[in-house]
Amino acid sequence: MEFNEIKSYEEAFIAGYGDGGFRMGENRFEGSMLITPAGFYPWDVQVKEEINLKNLDPILRAPNVELLIVGTGESLFFLNKEIRQAFSKAGIAIEVMDTGAAARTYNVLLQEGRNVTAALIAI
């Protein structure tokens, strides 16, 4: 899992999504991704049914996180009870939506200065 450090405010924004990947700042990355305040990782989740506590662990370990936005691909999917309970115990709220809405919401909350993270399935 290769970590890409966020070095500037512009690199933290999702500049585009679709065609199987995301553009962060000026760079395009293929596949799904996890975004933390410090940087982003490739995420080995291709379909919403693969989301589990183990592959969300980097978000749970990220410092000072208040909210996780989960983009579940092209359609909504509800996370299982184990995931919801673990994040609740860590004091991290979760919002689940399709990936397009999740990317837009992440950007708005980031611009507001919120300590937001994202787990986004590529579409």
N, C-alpha and C. Protein backbone atom coordinates (compact mmCIF):
# COMPACT_ATOMS: atom_id res chain seq x y z
N MET A 1 0.85 -1.17 0.00
CA MET A 1 0.00 0.00 0.00
C MET A 1 0.89 1.23 0.00
N GLU A 2 0.84 2.00 -1.07
CA GLU A 2 1.67 3.19 -1.20
C GLU A 2 0.94 4.40 -0.67
N PHE A 3 1.55 5.10 0.27
CA PHE A 3 0.99 6.30 0.88
C PHE A 3 1.47 7.51 0.09
N ASN A 4 0.57 8.40 -0.25
CA ASN A 4 0.91 9.66 -0.93
C ASN A 4 0.63 10.80 0.03
N GLU A 5 1.68 11.44 0.48
CA GLU A 5 1.54 12.53 1.45
C GLU A 5 0.89 13.75 0.80
N ILE A 6 -0.01 14.39 1.55
CA ILE A 6 -0.61 15.64 1.09
C ILE A 6 0.28 16.77 1.57
N LYS A 7 0.87 17.48 0.61
CA LYS A 7 1.84 18.53 0.95
C LYS A 7 1.27 19.93 0.84
N SER A 8 0.12 20.06 0.20
CA SER A 8 -0.50 21.38 0.08
C SER A 8 -2.02 21.24 0.16
N TYR A 9 -2.66 22.33 0.43
CA TYR A 9 -4.12 22.34 0.55
C TYR A 9 -4.77 21.86 -0.75
N GLU A 10 -4.20 22.26 -1.90
CA GLU A 10 -4.76 21.88 -3.19
C GLU A 10 -4.70 20.37 -3.41
N GLU A 11 -3.66 19.71 -2.91
CA GLU A 11 -3.52 18.27 -3.08
C GLU A 11 -4.56 17.49 -2.29
N ALA A 12 -5.18 18.11 -1.30
CA ALA A 12 -6.17 17.43 -0.48
C ALA A 12 -7.53 17.35 -1.16
N PHE A 13 -7.79 18.20 -2.15
CA PHE A 13 -9.08 18.22 -2.83
C PHE A 13 -9.16 17.16 -3.91
N ILE A 14 -10.35 16.61 -4.08
CA ILE A 14 -10.61 15.69 -5.18
C ILE A 14 -10.99 16.56 -6.37
N ALA A 15 -10.07 16.63 -7.32
CA ALA A 15 -10.27 17.49 -8.48
C ALA A 15 -11.11 16.82 -9.56
N GLY A 16 -11.24 15.51 -9.49
CA GLY A 16 -12.05 14.79 -10.47
C GLY A 16 -12.18 13.33 -10.10
N TYR A 17 -13.20 12.68 -10.65
CA TYR A 17 -13.39 11.26 -10.42
C TYR A 17 -14.10 10.66 -11.62
N GLY A 18 -13.94 9.36 -11.80
CA GLY A 18 -14.56 8.66 -12.92
C GLY A 18 -13.51 7.91 -13.70
N ASP A 19 -13.94 7.14 -14.67
CA ASP A 19 -13.04 6.32 -15.49
C ASP A 19 -12.12 5.46 -14.64
N GLY A 20 -12.64 4.99 -13.49
CA GLY A 20 -11.89 4.06 -12.66
C GLY A 20 -10.84 4.66 -11.75
N GLY A 21 -10.92 5.97 -11.48
CA GLY A 21 -9.92 6.58 -10.61
C GLY A 21 -10.31 7.98 -10.14
N PHE A 22 -9.30 8.66 -9.58
CA PHE A 22 -9.51 9.99 -9.01
C PHE A 22 -8.35 10.90 -9.39
N ARG A 23 -8.62 12.19 -9.45
CA ARG A 23 -7.56 13.18 -9.62
C ARG A 23 -7.47 13.97 -8.33
N MET A 24 -6.29 13.93 -7.72
CA MET A 24 -6.00 14.68 -6.50
C MET A 24 -5.02 15.77 -6.90
N GLY A 25 -5.43 17.02 -6.80
CA GLY A 25 -4.58 18.09 -7.28
C GLY A 25 -4.40 17.92 -8.78
N GLU A 26 -3.18 17.87 -9.23
CA GLU A 26 -2.88 17.72 -10.65
C GLU A 26 -2.60 16.28 -11.05
N ASN A 27 -2.62 15.35 -10.11
CA ASN A 27 -2.24 13.96 -10.38
C ASN A 27 -3.44 13.03 -10.41
N ARG A 28 -3.43 12.09 -11.33
CA ARG A 28 -4.50 11.09 -11.44
C ARG A 28 -4.02 9.77 -10.83
N PHE A 29 -4.93 9.13 -10.09
CA PHE A 29 -4.65 7.86 -9.45
C PHE A 29 -5.73 6.87 -9.83
N GLU A 30 -5.34 5.68 -10.23
CA GLU A 30 -6.28 4.64 -10.63
C GLU A 30 -6.78 3.89 -9.42
N GLY A 31 -8.04 3.48 -9.46
CA GLY A 31 -8.61 2.64 -8.44
C GLY A 31 -9.22 3.41 -7.28
N SER A 32 -9.74 2.63 -6.34
CA SER A 32 -10.36 3.19 -5.13
C SER A 32 -9.31 3.77 -4.21
N MET A 33 -9.72 4.66 -3.29
CA MET A 33 -8.73 5.27 -2.40
C MET A 33 -9.30 5.63 -1.03
N LEU A 34 -8.38 5.66 -0.06
CA LEU A 34 -8.64 6.16 1.28
C LEU A 34 -7.93 7.49 1.41
N ILE A 35 -8.61 8.49 1.93
CA ILE A 35 -8.00 9.82 2.09
C ILE A 35 -8.04 10.19 3.57
N THR A 36 -6.86 10.50 4.12
CA THR A 36 -6.74 10.95 5.50
C THR A 36 -6.24 12.40 5.48
N PRO A 37 -6.24 13.09 6.61
CA PRO A 37 -5.70 14.46 6.61
C PRO A 37 -4.22 14.53 6.21
N ALA A 38 -3.48 13.46 6.39
CA ALA A 38 -2.05 13.47 6.07
C ALA A 38 -1.76 13.04 4.64
N GLY A 39 -2.65 12.27 4.03
CA GLY A 39 -2.39 11.77 2.69
C GLY A 39 -3.43 10.75 2.26
N PHE A 40 -3.14 10.07 1.17
CA PHE A 40 -4.10 9.10 0.67
C PHE A 40 -3.40 7.82 0.25
N TYR A 41 -4.19 6.75 0.27
CA TYR A 41 -3.71 5.41 -0.01
C TYR A 41 -4.56 4.77 -1.11
N PRO A 42 -3.98 3.85 -1.89
CA PRO A 42 -4.83 3.01 -2.72
C PRO A 42 -5.69 2.15 -1.79
N TRP A 43 -6.89 1.82 -2.19
CA TRP A 43 -7.79 1.03 -1.36
C TRP A 43 -8.22 -0.18 -2.16
N ASP A 44 -7.92 -1.36 -1.65
CA ASP A 44 -8.21 -2.61 -2.36
C ASP A 44 -9.68 -3.01 -2.28
N VAL A 45 -10.55 -2.09 -2.55
CA VAL A 45 -11.99 -2.36 -2.56
C VAL A 45 -12.50 -1.96 -3.94
N GLN A 46 -13.11 -2.93 -4.60
CA GLN A 46 -13.64 -2.65 -5.94
C GLN A 46 -15.15 -2.61 -5.98
N VAL A 47 -15.79 -3.28 -5.02
CA VAL A 47 -17.24 -3.28 -4.92
C VAL A 47 -17.63 -3.07 -3.46
N LYS A 48 -18.78 -2.49 -3.24
CA LYS A 48 -19.21 -2.11 -1.90
C LYS A 48 -19.25 -3.28 -0.91
N GLU A 49 -19.51 -4.49 -1.38
CA GLU A 49 -19.57 -5.65 -0.49
C GLU A 49 -18.21 -6.00 0.11
N GLU A 50 -17.14 -5.48 -0.45
CA GLU A 50 -15.78 -5.74 0.07
C GLU A 50 -15.40 -4.81 1.22
N ILE A 51 -16.18 -3.81 1.52
CA ILE A 51 -15.85 -2.87 2.60
C ILE A 51 -15.93 -3.62 3.93
N ASN A 52 -14.83 -3.54 4.70
CA ASN A 52 -14.82 -4.18 6.02
C ASN A 52 -13.95 -3.38 6.97
N LEU A 53 -13.96 -3.77 8.23
CA LEU A 53 -13.21 -3.05 9.26
C LEU A 53 -11.72 -3.10 9.00
N LYS A 54 -11.22 -4.22 8.51
CA LYS A 54 -9.78 -4.35 8.26
C LYS A 54 -9.31 -3.36 7.19
N ASN A 55 -10.07 -3.23 6.08
CA ASN A 55 -9.58 -2.33 5.04
C ASN A 55 -9.89 -0.86 5.32
N LEU A 56 -10.62 -0.58 6.40
CA LEU A 56 -10.83 0.80 6.84
C LEU A 56 -9.89 1.19 7.99
N ASP A 57 -9.04 0.27 8.40
CA ASP A 57 -8.15 0.50 9.54
C ASP A 57 -7.29 1.77 9.43
N PRO A 58 -6.73 2.12 8.26
CA PRO A 58 -5.94 3.36 8.20
C PRO A 58 -6.74 4.60 8.63
N ILE A 59 -8.04 4.61 8.38
CA ILE A 59 -8.88 5.73 8.80
C ILE A 59 -9.04 5.72 10.33
N LEU A 60 -9.24 4.54 10.88
CA LEU A 60 -9.38 4.44 12.35
C LEU A 60 -8.10 4.88 13.06
N ARG A 61 -6.95 4.64 12.44
CA ARG A 61 -5.66 5.00 13.06
C ARG A 61 -5.24 6.45 12.79
N ALA A 62 -5.92 7.13 11.89
CA ALA A 62 -5.55 8.52 11.57
C ALA A 62 -5.90 9.43 12.75
N PRO A 63 -5.00 10.35 13.10
CA PRO A 63 -5.26 11.24 14.25
C PRO A 63 -6.27 12.34 13.92
N ASN A 64 -7.00 12.75 14.93
CA ASN A 64 -7.89 13.92 14.87
C ASN A 64 -8.96 13.85 13.78
N VAL A 65 -9.52 12.69 13.56
CA VAL A 65 -10.57 12.54 12.55
C VAL A 65 -11.93 12.67 13.23
N GLU A 66 -12.82 13.45 12.64
CA GLU A 66 -14.17 13.58 13.20
C GLU A 66 -15.23 12.94 12.31
N LEU A 67 -14.91 12.74 11.02
CA LEU A 67 -15.93 12.25 10.09
C LEU A 67 -15.30 11.43 8.98
N LEU A 68 -15.93 10.31 8.65
CA LEU A 68 -15.56 9.48 7.51
C LEU A 68 -16.70 9.54 6.50
N ILE A 69 -16.38 9.92 5.26
CA ILE A 69 -17.32 9.90 4.15
C ILE A 69 -17.00 8.65 3.34
N VAL A 70 -17.99 7.78 3.18
CA VAL A 70 -17.79 6.55 2.42
C VAL A 70 -18.54 6.65 1.10
N GLY A 71 -17.80 6.51 0.00
CA GLY A 71 -18.39 6.49 -1.34
C GLY A 71 -18.50 5.05 -1.79
N THR A 72 -19.71 4.56 -1.97
CA THR A 72 -19.96 3.14 -2.20
C THR A 72 -20.13 2.77 -3.67
N GLY A 73 -19.54 3.54 -4.55
CA GLY A 73 -19.67 3.26 -5.98
C GLY A 73 -20.84 4.03 -6.57
N GLU A 74 -21.57 3.39 -7.47
CA GLU A 74 -22.66 4.07 -8.16
C GLU A 74 -23.98 4.03 -7.40
N SER A 75 -24.04 3.20 -6.34
CA SER A 75 -25.29 3.12 -5.58
C SER A 75 -25.00 3.04 -4.09
N LEU A 76 -25.99 3.38 -3.32
CA LEU A 76 -25.87 3.42 -1.86
C LEU A 76 -25.81 2.00 -1.28
N PHE A 77 -25.08 1.86 -0.19
CA PHE A 77 -24.92 0.58 0.49
C PHE A 77 -24.73 0.89 1.97
N PHE A 78 -25.41 0.17 2.84
CA PHE A 78 -25.28 0.44 4.26
C PHE A 78 -24.17 -0.42 4.87
N LEU A 79 -23.34 0.19 5.68
CA LEU A 79 -22.22 -0.51 6.32
C LEU A 79 -22.73 -1.42 7.43
N ASN A 80 -21.98 -2.50 7.67
CA ASN A 80 -22.43 -3.45 8.69
C ASN A 80 -22.23 -2.87 10.10
N LYS A 81 -22.88 -3.51 11.04
CA LYS A 81 -22.91 -3.05 12.44
C LYS A 81 -21.51 -3.00 13.05
N GLU A 82 -20.65 -3.97 12.72
CA GLU A 82 -19.29 -4.00 13.27
C GLU A 82 -18.52 -2.73 12.91
N ILE A 83 -18.62 -2.31 11.66
CA ILE A 83 -17.93 -1.09 11.22
C ILE A 83 -18.51 0.13 11.93
N ARG A 84 -19.82 0.25 11.96
CA ARG A 84 -20.46 1.41 12.59
C ARG A 84 -20.09 1.51 14.07
N GLN A 85 -20.08 0.37 14.76
CA GLN A 85 -19.75 0.38 16.19
C GLN A 85 -18.29 0.76 16.43
N ALA A 86 -17.37 0.24 15.62
CA ALA A 86 -15.95 0.56 15.79
C ALA A 86 -15.69 2.04 15.60
N PHE A 87 -16.31 2.64 14.60
CA PHE A 87 -16.10 4.07 14.35
C PHE A 87 -16.79 4.91 15.43
N SER A 88 -17.94 4.48 15.87
CA SER A 88 -18.63 5.19 16.96
C SER A 88 -17.78 5.18 18.22
N LYS A 89 -17.20 4.03 18.54
CA LYS A 89 -16.34 3.90 19.71
C LYS A 89 -15.12 4.81 19.61
N ALA A 90 -14.62 5.01 18.39
CA ALA A 90 -13.45 5.89 18.16
C ALA A 90 -13.86 7.35 18.09
N GLY A 91 -15.15 7.65 18.16
CA GLY A 91 -15.61 9.03 18.09
C GLY A 91 -15.63 9.61 16.69
N ILE A 92 -15.73 8.74 15.69
CA ILE A 92 -15.73 9.16 14.29
C ILE A 92 -17.12 8.90 13.70
N ALA A 93 -17.77 9.94 13.23
CA ALA A 93 -19.06 9.80 12.57
C ALA A 93 -18.85 9.26 11.16
N ILE A 94 -19.85 8.56 10.63
CA ILE A 94 -19.78 8.00 9.27
C ILE A 94 -20.98 8.48 8.47
N GLU A 95 -20.71 8.91 7.24
CA GLU A 95 -21.77 9.24 6.28
C GLU A 95 -21.51 8.38 5.05
N VAL A 96 -22.54 7.69 4.57
CA VAL A 96 -22.42 6.80 3.42
C VAL A 96 -23.27 7.35 2.28
N MET A 97 -22.69 7.37 1.07
CA MET A 97 -23.40 7.87 -0.11
C MET A 97 -22.72 7.32 -1.35
N ASP A 98 -23.29 7.54 -2.52
CA ASP A 98 -22.61 7.10 -3.74
C ASP A 98 -21.32 7.89 -3.89
N THR A 99 -20.39 7.37 -4.69
CA THR A 99 -19.05 7.97 -4.77
C THR A 99 -19.06 9.42 -5.26
N GLY A 100 -19.89 9.74 -6.24
CA GLY A 100 -19.94 11.12 -6.73
C GLY A 100 -20.34 12.09 -5.64
N ALA A 101 -21.41 11.77 -4.92
CA ALA A 101 -21.86 12.62 -3.81
C ALA A 101 -20.81 12.67 -2.71
N ALA A 102 -20.15 11.54 -2.46
CA ALA A 102 -19.12 11.48 -1.41
C ALA A 102 -17.94 12.38 -1.75
N ALA A 103 -17.49 12.37 -2.99
CA ALA A 103 -16.37 13.22 -3.40
C ALA A 103 -16.73 14.70 -3.25
N ARG A 104 -17.91 15.07 -3.67
CA ARG A 104 -18.34 16.47 -3.55
C ARG A 104 -18.49 16.88 -2.09
N THR A 105 -19.09 16.02 -1.29
CA THR A 105 -19.28 16.32 0.14
C THR A 105 -17.94 16.44 0.85
N TYR A 106 -17.01 15.53 0.55
CA TYR A 106 -15.67 15.58 1.13
C TYR A 106 -15.03 16.95 0.84
N ASN A 107 -15.10 17.39 -0.41
CA ASN A 107 -14.49 18.67 -0.77
C ASN A 107 -15.11 19.84 -0.01
N VAL A 108 -16.43 19.86 0.12
CA VAL A 108 -17.11 20.94 0.84
C VAL A 108 -16.67 20.95 2.31
N LEU A 109 -16.68 19.78 2.94
CA LEU A 109 -16.30 19.71 4.36
C LEU A 109 -14.83 20.06 4.57
N LEU A 110 -13.99 19.65 3.63
CA LEU A 110 -12.57 20.01 3.71
C LEU A 110 -12.40 21.53 3.62
N GLN A 111 -13.13 22.15 2.73
CA GLN A 111 -13.07 23.60 2.57
C GLN A 111 -13.56 24.32 3.82
N GLU A 112 -14.49 23.70 4.54
CA GLU A 112 -14.99 24.28 5.79
C GLU A 112 -14.01 24.09 6.94
N GLY A 113 -12.92 23.37 6.71
CA GLY A 113 -11.92 23.16 7.75
C GLY A 113 -12.21 21.99 8.66
N ARG A 114 -13.12 21.11 8.26
CA ARG A 114 -13.46 19.94 9.08
C ARG A 114 -12.37 18.88 8.97
N ASN A 115 -12.20 18.09 10.01
CA ASN A 115 -11.25 16.97 10.02
C ASN A 115 -11.94 15.76 9.42
N VAL A 116 -12.00 15.73 8.11
CA VAL A 116 -12.74 14.74 7.36
C VAL A 116 -11.81 13.77 6.65
N THR A 117 -12.24 12.52 6.55
CA THR A 117 -11.54 11.50 5.79
C THR A 117 -12.54 10.92 4.79
N ALA A 118 -12.02 10.15 3.83
CA ALA A 118 -12.92 9.54 2.85
C ALA A 118 -12.41 8.15 2.47
N ALA A 119 -13.35 7.27 2.20
CA ALA A 119 -13.10 5.95 1.64
C ALA A 119 -13.96 5.88 0.39
N LEU A 120 -13.33 5.87 -0.78
CA LEU A 120 -14.07 6.05 -2.02
C LEU A 120 -13.82 4.90 -3.00
N ILE A 121 -14.90 4.25 -3.41
CA ILE A 121 -14.80 3.20 -4.42
C ILE A 121 -14.81 3.90 -5.79
N ALA A 122 -13.82 3.57 -6.63
CA ALA A 122 -13.72 4.18 -7.94
C ALA A 122 -14.90 3.77 -8.82
N ILE A 123 -15.35 4.73 -9.63
CA ILE A 123 -16.43 4.46 -10.60
C ILE A 123 -15.93 4.79 -11.99
